[in-house]
Amino acid sequence: MTTDSRVLQFASACFDTSISEIVMALGHGGNLIIVPDDIRQDRQRLASFIRQYMVTHVNFPADPVRPSLHV
């Protein structure tokens, strides 16, 4: 992590994982990129969002049923 890091806050603020994302970004002087709820649910829009905001770090939950997100 550096001050140039751009961490995606994918987890809802209701989940403890969101704290990890926040601390990971802001604790190192990086940027926290918050995903709007409507984009979080749409893989195509999420991939575009990640590219648009040049996200460098993402913590996705494991989902063995759906295919991988290709950015």
PDB file of N, CA and C in Angstrom:
ATOM      1  N   MET A   1       0.844  -1.178   0.000  1.00  0.00           N
ATOM      2  CA  MET A   1       0.000   0.000   0.000  1.00  0.00           C
ATOM      3  C   MET A   1       0.890   1.243   0.000  1.00  0.00           C
ATOM      4  N   THR A   2       0.490   2.196  -0.845  1.00  0.00           N
ATOM      5  CA  THR A   2       1.195   3.477  -0.910  1.00  0.00           C
ATOM      6  C   THR A   2       0.153   4.589  -0.988  1.00  0.00           C
ATOM      7  N   THR A   3       0.619   5.815  -1.034  1.00  0.00           N
ATOM      8  CA  THR A   3      -0.315   6.940  -1.163  1.00  0.00           C
ATOM      9  C   THR A   3      -0.980   6.958  -2.532  1.00  0.00           C
ATOM     10  N   ASP A   4      -0.449   6.193  -3.481  1.00  0.00           N
ATOM     11  CA  ASP A   4      -1.060   6.093  -4.817  1.00  0.00           C
ATOM     12  C   ASP A   4      -2.088   4.967  -4.917  1.00  0.00           C
ATOM     13  N   SER A   5      -2.221   4.161  -3.871  1.00  0.00           N
ATOM     14  CA  SER A   5      -3.158   3.033  -3.893  1.00  0.00           C
ATOM     15  C   SER A   5      -4.596   3.535  -3.945  1.00  0.00           C
ATOM     16  N   ARG A   6      -5.411   2.781  -4.685  1.00  0.00           N
ATOM     17  CA  ARG A   6      -6.828   3.100  -4.833  1.00  0.00           C
ATOM     18  C   ARG A   6      -7.610   1.834  -4.484  1.00  0.00           C
ATOM     19  N   VAL A   7      -8.190   1.823  -3.287  1.00  0.00           N
ATOM     20  CA  VAL A   7      -8.864   0.643  -2.743  1.00  0.00           C
ATOM     21  C   VAL A   7     -10.366   0.757  -2.973  1.00  0.00           C
ATOM     22  N   LEU A   8     -10.932  -0.286  -3.560  1.00  0.00           N
ATOM     23  CA  LEU A   8     -12.373  -0.327  -3.802  1.00  0.00           C
ATOM     24  C   LEU A   8     -13.089  -0.743  -2.526  1.00  0.00           C
ATOM     25  N   GLN A   9     -14.055   0.046  -2.079  1.00  0.00           N
ATOM     26  CA  GLN A   9     -14.885  -0.388  -0.964  1.00  0.00           C
ATOM     27  C   GLN A   9     -16.071  -1.113  -1.570  1.00  0.00           C
ATOM     28  N   PHE A  10     -15.920  -2.428  -1.697  1.00  0.00           N
ATOM     29  CA  PHE A  10     -16.962  -3.265  -2.292  1.00  0.00           C
ATOM     30  C   PHE A  10     -17.958  -3.718  -1.241  1.00  0.00           C
ATOM     31  N   ALA A  11     -17.481  -4.019  -0.060  1.00  0.00           N
ATOM     32  CA  ALA A  11     -18.358  -4.514   1.012  1.00  0.00           C
ATOM     33  C   ALA A  11     -19.282  -3.404   1.513  1.00  0.00           C
ATOM     34  N   SER A  12     -20.478  -3.779   1.831  1.00  0.00           N
ATOM     35  CA  SER A  12     -21.423  -2.849   2.438  1.00  0.00           C
ATOM     36  C   SER A  12     -20.883  -2.405   3.793  1.00  0.00           C
ATOM     37  N   ALA A  13     -21.196  -1.201   4.182  1.00  0.00           N
ATOM     38  CA  ALA A  13     -20.745  -0.675   5.477  1.00  0.00           C
ATOM     39  C   ALA A  13     -21.286  -1.509   6.643  1.00  0.00           C
ATOM     40  N   CYS A  14     -22.261  -2.350   6.399  1.00  0.00           N
ATOM     41  CA  CYS A  14     -22.830  -3.213   7.441  1.00  0.00           C
ATOM     42  C   CYS A  14     -21.923  -4.406   7.773  1.00  0.00           C
ATOM     43  N   PHE A  15     -20.952  -4.694   6.926  1.00  0.00           N
ATOM     44  CA  PHE A  15     -20.091  -5.857   7.116  1.00  0.00           C
ATOM     45  C   PHE A  15     -18.721  -5.449   7.633  1.00  0.00           C
ATOM     46  N   ASP A  16     -18.135  -6.309   8.468  1.00  0.00           N
ATOM     47  CA  ASP A  16     -16.834  -6.004   9.047  1.00  0.00           C
ATOM     48  C   ASP A  16     -15.736  -5.870   7.997  1.00  0.00           C
ATOM     49  N   THR A  17     -15.895  -6.498   6.857  1.00  0.00           N
ATOM     50  CA  THR A  17     -14.902  -6.388   5.791  1.00  0.00           C
ATOM     51  C   THR A  17     -14.738  -4.945   5.343  1.00  0.00           C
ATOM     52  N   SER A  18     -15.796  -4.156   5.438  1.00  0.00           N
ATOM     53  CA  SER A  18     -15.700  -2.751   5.016  1.00  0.00           C
ATOM     54  C   SER A  18     -14.681  -1.998   5.867  1.00  0.00           C
ATOM     55  N   ILE A  19     -14.569  -2.354   7.141  1.00  0.00           N
ATOM     56  CA  ILE A  19     -13.589  -1.700   8.015  1.00  0.00           C
ATOM     57  C   ILE A  19     -12.173  -1.989   7.511  1.00  0.00           C
ATOM     58  N   SER A  20     -11.928  -3.228   7.109  1.00  0.00           N
ATOM     59  CA  SER A  20     -10.628  -3.608   6.567  1.00  0.00           C
ATOM     60  C   SER A  20     -10.308  -2.791   5.322  1.00  0.00           C
ATOM     61  N   GLU A  21     -11.289  -2.623   4.448  1.00  0.00           N
ATOM     62  CA  GLU A  21     -11.080  -1.849   3.215  1.00  0.00           C
ATOM     63  C   GLU A  21     -10.774  -0.381   3.538  1.00  0.00           C
ATOM     64  N   ILE A  22     -11.505   0.167   4.480  1.00  0.00           N
ATOM     65  CA  ILE A  22     -11.307   1.571   4.865  1.00  0.00           C
ATOM     66  C   ILE A  22      -9.924   1.776   5.465  1.00  0.00           C
ATOM     67  N   VAL A  23      -9.559   0.920   6.425  1.00  0.00           N
ATOM     68  CA  VAL A  23      -8.261   1.058   7.089  1.00  0.00           C
ATOM     69  C   VAL A  23      -7.121   0.801   6.105  1.00  0.00           C
ATOM     70  N   MET A  24      -7.301  -0.171   5.226  1.00  0.00           N
ATOM     71  CA  MET A  24      -6.268  -0.492   4.248  1.00  0.00           C
ATOM     72  C   MET A  24      -5.966   0.738   3.378  1.00  0.00           C
ATOM     73  N   ALA A  25      -6.994   1.449   2.984  1.00  0.00           N
ATOM     74  CA  ALA A  25      -6.793   2.623   2.129  1.00  0.00           C
ATOM     75  C   ALA A  25      -6.319   3.830   2.924  1.00  0.00           C
ATOM     76  N   LEU A  26      -7.118   4.245   3.855  1.00  0.00           N
ATOM     77  CA  LEU A  26      -6.849   5.502   4.548  1.00  0.00           C
ATOM     78  C   LEU A  26      -5.698   5.407   5.548  1.00  0.00           C
ATOM     79  N   GLY A  27      -5.471   4.219   6.087  1.00  0.00           N
ATOM     80  CA  GLY A  27      -4.377   4.034   7.033  1.00  0.00           C
ATOM     81  C   GLY A  27      -3.004   4.165   6.402  1.00  0.00           C
ATOM     82  N   HIS A  28      -2.964   4.057   5.085  1.00  0.00           N
ATOM     83  CA  HIS A  28      -1.700   4.178   4.363  1.00  0.00           C
ATOM     84  C   HIS A  28      -1.675   5.423   3.481  1.00  0.00           C
ATOM     85  N   GLY A  29      -2.649   6.300   3.644  1.00  0.00           N
ATOM     86  CA  GLY A  29      -2.682   7.533   2.860  1.00  0.00           C
ATOM     87  C   GLY A  29      -3.186   7.353   1.449  1.00  0.00           C
ATOM     88  N   GLY A  30      -3.802   6.192   1.165  1.00  0.00           N
ATOM     89  CA  GLY A  30      -4.329   5.926  -0.164  1.00  0.00           C
ATOM     90  C   GLY A  30      -5.731   6.500  -0.336  1.00  0.00           C
ATOM     91  N   ASN A  31      -6.376   6.087  -1.400  1.00  0.00           N
ATOM     92  CA  ASN A  31      -7.730   6.560  -1.717  1.00  0.00           C
ATOM     93  C   ASN A  31      -8.730   5.430  -1.557  1.00  0.00           C
ATOM     94  N   LEU A  32      -9.883   5.743  -0.996  1.00  0.00           N
ATOM     95  CA  LEU A  32     -10.981   4.785  -0.857  1.00  0.00           C
ATOM     96  C   LEU A  32     -12.005   5.109  -1.928  1.00  0.00           C
ATOM     97  N   ILE A  33     -12.251   4.157  -2.812  1.00  0.00           N
ATOM     98  CA  ILE A  33     -13.203   4.339  -3.900  1.00  0.00           C
ATOM     99  C   ILE A  33     -14.480   3.582  -3.519  1.00  0.00           C
ATOM    100  N   ILE A  34     -15.555   4.317  -3.274  1.00  0.00           N
ATOM    101  CA  ILE A  34     -16.814   3.717  -2.809  1.00  0.00           C
ATOM    102  C   ILE A  34     -17.714   3.401  -3.994  1.00  0.00           C
ATOM    103  N   VAL A  35     -18.130   2.146  -4.071  1.00  0.00           N
ATOM    104  CA  VAL A  35     -18.984   1.685  -5.169  1.00  0.00           C
ATOM    105  C   VAL A  35     -20.445   1.965  -4.837  1.00  0.00           C
ATOM    106  N   PRO A  36     -21.176   2.648  -5.713  1.00  0.00           N
ATOM    107  CA  PRO A  36     -22.618   2.813  -5.504  1.00  0.00           C
ATOM    108  C   PRO A  36     -23.322   1.447  -5.525  1.00  0.00           C
ATOM    109  N   ASP A  37     -24.368   1.306  -4.754  1.00  0.00           N
ATOM    110  CA  ASP A  37     -25.077   0.032  -4.641  1.00  0.00           C
ATOM    111  C   ASP A  37     -25.544  -0.519  -5.987  1.00  0.00           C
ATOM    112  N   ASP A  38     -26.054   0.335  -6.858  1.00  0.00           N
ATOM    113  CA  ASP A  38     -26.570  -0.158  -8.134  1.00  0.00           C
ATOM    114  C   ASP A  38     -25.456  -0.717  -9.019  1.00  0.00           C
ATOM    115  N   ILE A  39     -24.256  -0.201  -8.895  1.00  0.00           N
ATOM    116  CA  ILE A  39     -23.123  -0.700  -9.679  1.00  0.00           C
ATOM    117  C   ILE A  39     -22.567  -1.975  -9.069  1.00  0.00           C
ATOM    118  N   ARG A  40     -22.585  -2.084  -7.765  1.00  0.00           N
ATOM    119  CA  ARG A  40     -22.061  -3.267  -7.071  1.00  0.00           C
ATOM    120  C   ARG A  40     -22.759  -4.546  -7.540  1.00  0.00           C
ATOM    121  N   GLN A  41     -24.009  -4.464  -7.909  1.00  0.00           N
ATOM    122  CA  GLN A  41     -24.795  -5.640  -8.284  1.00  0.00           C
ATOM    123  C   GLN A  41     -24.680  -6.021  -9.760  1.00  0.00           C
ATOM    124  N   ASP A  42     -24.037  -5.193 -10.576  1.00  0.00           N
ATOM    125  CA  ASP A  42     -23.965  -5.414 -12.020  1.00  0.00           C
ATOM    126  C   ASP A  42     -22.499  -5.605 -12.423  1.00  0.00           C
ATOM    127  N   ARG A  43     -22.136  -6.815 -12.783  1.00  0.00           N
ATOM    128  CA  ARG A  43     -20.731  -7.126 -13.073  1.00  0.00           C
ATOM    129  C   ARG A  43     -20.141  -6.282 -14.196  1.00  0.00           C
ATOM    130  N   GLN A  44     -20.891  -6.045 -15.235  1.00  0.00           N
ATOM    131  CA  GLN A  44     -20.368  -5.246 -16.353  1.00  0.00           C
ATOM    132  C   GLN A  44     -20.095  -3.815 -15.915  1.00  0.00           C
ATOM    133  N   ARG A  45     -21.043  -3.233 -15.229  1.00  0.00           N
ATOM    134  CA  ARG A  45     -20.867  -1.862 -14.749  1.00  0.00           C
ATOM    135  C   ARG A  45     -19.763  -1.779 -13.699  1.00  0.00           C
ATOM    136  N   LEU A  46     -19.646  -2.823 -12.864  1.00  0.00           N
ATOM    137  CA  LEU A  46     -18.599  -2.849 -11.853  1.00  0.00           C
ATOM    138  C   LEU A  46     -17.219  -2.883 -12.508  1.00  0.00           C
ATOM    139  N   ALA A  47     -17.057  -3.703 -13.527  1.00  0.00           N
ATOM    140  CA  ALA A  47     -15.778  -3.771 -14.235  1.00  0.00           C
ATOM    141  C   ALA A  47     -15.434  -2.413 -14.844  1.00  0.00           C
ATOM    142  N   SER A  48     -16.403  -1.758 -15.435  1.00  0.00           N
ATOM    143  CA  SER A  48     -16.183  -0.420 -16.015  1.00  0.00           C
ATOM    144  C   SER A  48     -15.816   0.592 -14.930  1.00  0.00           C
ATOM    145  N   PHE A  49     -16.500   0.507 -13.793  1.00  0.00           N
ATOM    146  CA  PHE A  49     -16.239   1.405 -12.666  1.00  0.00           C
ATOM    147  C   PHE A  49     -14.804   1.239 -12.170  1.00  0.00           C
ATOM    148  N   ILE A  50     -14.362  -0.009 -12.045  1.00  0.00           N
ATOM    149  CA  ILE A  50     -13.010  -0.302 -11.573  1.00  0.00           C
ATOM    150  C   ILE A  50     -11.974   0.289 -12.537  1.00  0.00           C
ATOM    151  N   ARG A  51     -12.204   0.124 -13.830  1.00  0.00           N
ATOM    152  CA  ARG A  51     -11.289   0.691 -14.824  1.00  0.00           C
ATOM    153  C   ARG A  51     -11.323   2.214 -14.790  1.00  0.00           C
ATOM    154  N   GLN A  52     -12.528   2.778 -14.736  1.00  0.00           N
ATOM    155  CA  GLN A  52     -12.687   4.234 -14.753  1.00  0.00           C
ATOM    156  C   GLN A  52     -11.939   4.897 -13.596  1.00  0.00           C
ATOM    157  N   TYR A  53     -12.036   4.301 -12.407  1.00  0.00           N
ATOM    158  CA  TYR A  53     -11.416   4.890 -11.229  1.00  0.00           C
ATOM    159  C   TYR A  53     -10.021   4.330 -10.940  1.00  0.00           C
ATOM    160  N   MET A  54      -9.488   3.536 -11.869  1.00  0.00           N
ATOM    161  CA  MET A  54      -8.130   2.998 -11.779  1.00  0.00           C
ATOM    162  C   MET A  54      -7.850   2.356 -10.421  1.00  0.00           C
ATOM    163  N   VAL A  55      -8.783   1.505  -9.987  1.00  0.00           N
ATOM    164  CA  VAL A  55      -8.668   0.816  -8.698  1.00  0.00           C
ATOM    165  C   VAL A  55      -7.463  -0.123  -8.735  1.00  0.00           C
ATOM    166  N   THR A  56      -6.661  -0.097  -7.674  1.00  0.00           N
ATOM    167  CA  THR A  56      -5.474  -0.950  -7.597  1.00  0.00           C
ATOM    168  C   THR A  56      -5.647  -2.133  -6.650  1.00  0.00           C
ATOM    169  N   HIS A  57      -6.594  -2.053  -5.713  1.00  0.00           N
ATOM    170  CA  HIS A  57      -6.789  -3.119  -4.725  1.00  0.00           C
ATOM    171  C   HIS A  57      -8.285  -3.387  -4.541  1.00  0.00           C
ATOM    172  N   VAL A  58      -8.639  -4.682  -4.582  1.00  0.00           N
ATOM    173  CA  VAL A  58     -10.040  -5.095  -4.415  1.00  0.00           C
ATOM    174  C   VAL A  58     -10.076  -6.331  -3.529  1.00  0.00           C
ATOM    175  N   ASN A  59     -11.076  -6.404  -2.664  1.00  0.00           N
ATOM    176  CA  ASN A  59     -11.283  -7.577  -1.823  1.00  0.00           C
ATOM    177  C   ASN A  59     -12.694  -8.082  -2.098  1.00  0.00           C
ATOM    178  N   PHE A  60     -12.824  -9.010  -3.062  1.00  0.00           N
ATOM    179  CA  PHE A  60     -14.126  -9.574  -3.401  1.00  0.00           C
ATOM    180  C   PHE A  60     -14.414 -10.791  -2.530  1.00  0.00           C
ATOM    181  N   PRO A  61     -15.688 -11.013  -2.188  1.00  0.00           N
ATOM    182  CA  PRO A  61     -16.035 -12.247  -1.477  1.00  0.00           C
ATOM    183  C   PRO A  61     -15.913 -13.438  -2.433  1.00  0.00           C
ATOM    184  N   ALA A  62     -15.627 -14.595  -1.883  1.00  0.00           N
ATOM    185  CA  ALA A  62     -15.551 -15.813  -2.705  1.00  0.00           C
ATOM    186  C   ALA A  62     -16.937 -16.172  -3.228  1.00  0.00           C
ATOM    187  N   ASP A  63     -17.011 -16.531  -4.491  1.00  0.00           N
ATOM    188  CA  ASP A  63     -18.282 -16.918  -5.096  1.00  0.00           C
ATOM    189  C   ASP A  63     -17.997 -18.004  -6.123  1.00  0.00           C
ATOM    190  N   PRO A  64     -17.992 -19.260  -5.694  1.00  0.00           N
ATOM    191  CA  PRO A  64     -17.613 -20.341  -6.582  1.00  0.00           C
ATOM    192  C   PRO A  64     -18.620 -20.639  -7.692  1.00  0.00           C
ATOM    193  N   VAL A  65     -19.830 -20.101  -7.596  1.00  0.00           N
ATOM    194  CA  VAL A  65     -20.873 -20.413  -8.573  1.00  0.00           C
ATOM    195  C   VAL A  65     -20.756 -19.532  -9.815  1.00  0.00           C
ATOM    196  N   ARG A  66     -20.489 -18.256  -9.630  1.00  0.00           N
ATOM    197  CA  ARG A  66     -20.422 -17.326 -10.765  1.00  0.00           C
ATOM    198  C   ARG A  66     -18.998 -17.258 -11.322  1.00  0.00           C
ATOM    199  N   PRO A  67     -18.895 -16.964 -12.633  1.00  0.00           N
ATOM    200  CA  PRO A  67     -17.549 -16.854 -13.232  1.00  0.00           C
ATOM    201  C   PRO A  67     -16.821 -15.616 -12.709  1.00  0.00           C
ATOM    202  N   SER A  68     -15.524 -15.594 -12.916  1.00  0.00           N
ATOM    203  CA  SER A  68     -14.687 -14.478 -12.457  1.00  0.00           C
ATOM    204  C   SER A  68     -15.046 -13.193 -13.161  1.00  0.00           C
ATOM    205  N   LEU A  69     -14.786 -12.085 -12.485  1.00  0.00           N
ATOM    206  CA  LEU A  69     -14.964 -10.756 -13.063  1.00  0.00           C
ATOM    207  C   LEU A  69     -13.704 -10.436 -13.832  1.00  0.00           C
ATOM    208  N   HIS A  70     -13.850 -10.070 -15.094  1.00  0.00           N
ATOM    209  CA  HIS A  70     -12.695  -9.715 -15.918  1.00  0.00           C
ATOM    210  C   HIS A  70     -12.667  -8.220 -16.105  1.00  0.00           C
ATOM    211  N   VAL A  71     -11.603  -7.590 -15.615  1.00  0.00           N
ATOM    212  CA  VAL A  71     -11.472  -6.140 -15.703  1.00  0.00           C
ATOM    213  C   VAL A  71     -10.491  -5.784 -16.773  1.00  0.00           C
TER     214      VAL A  71
END
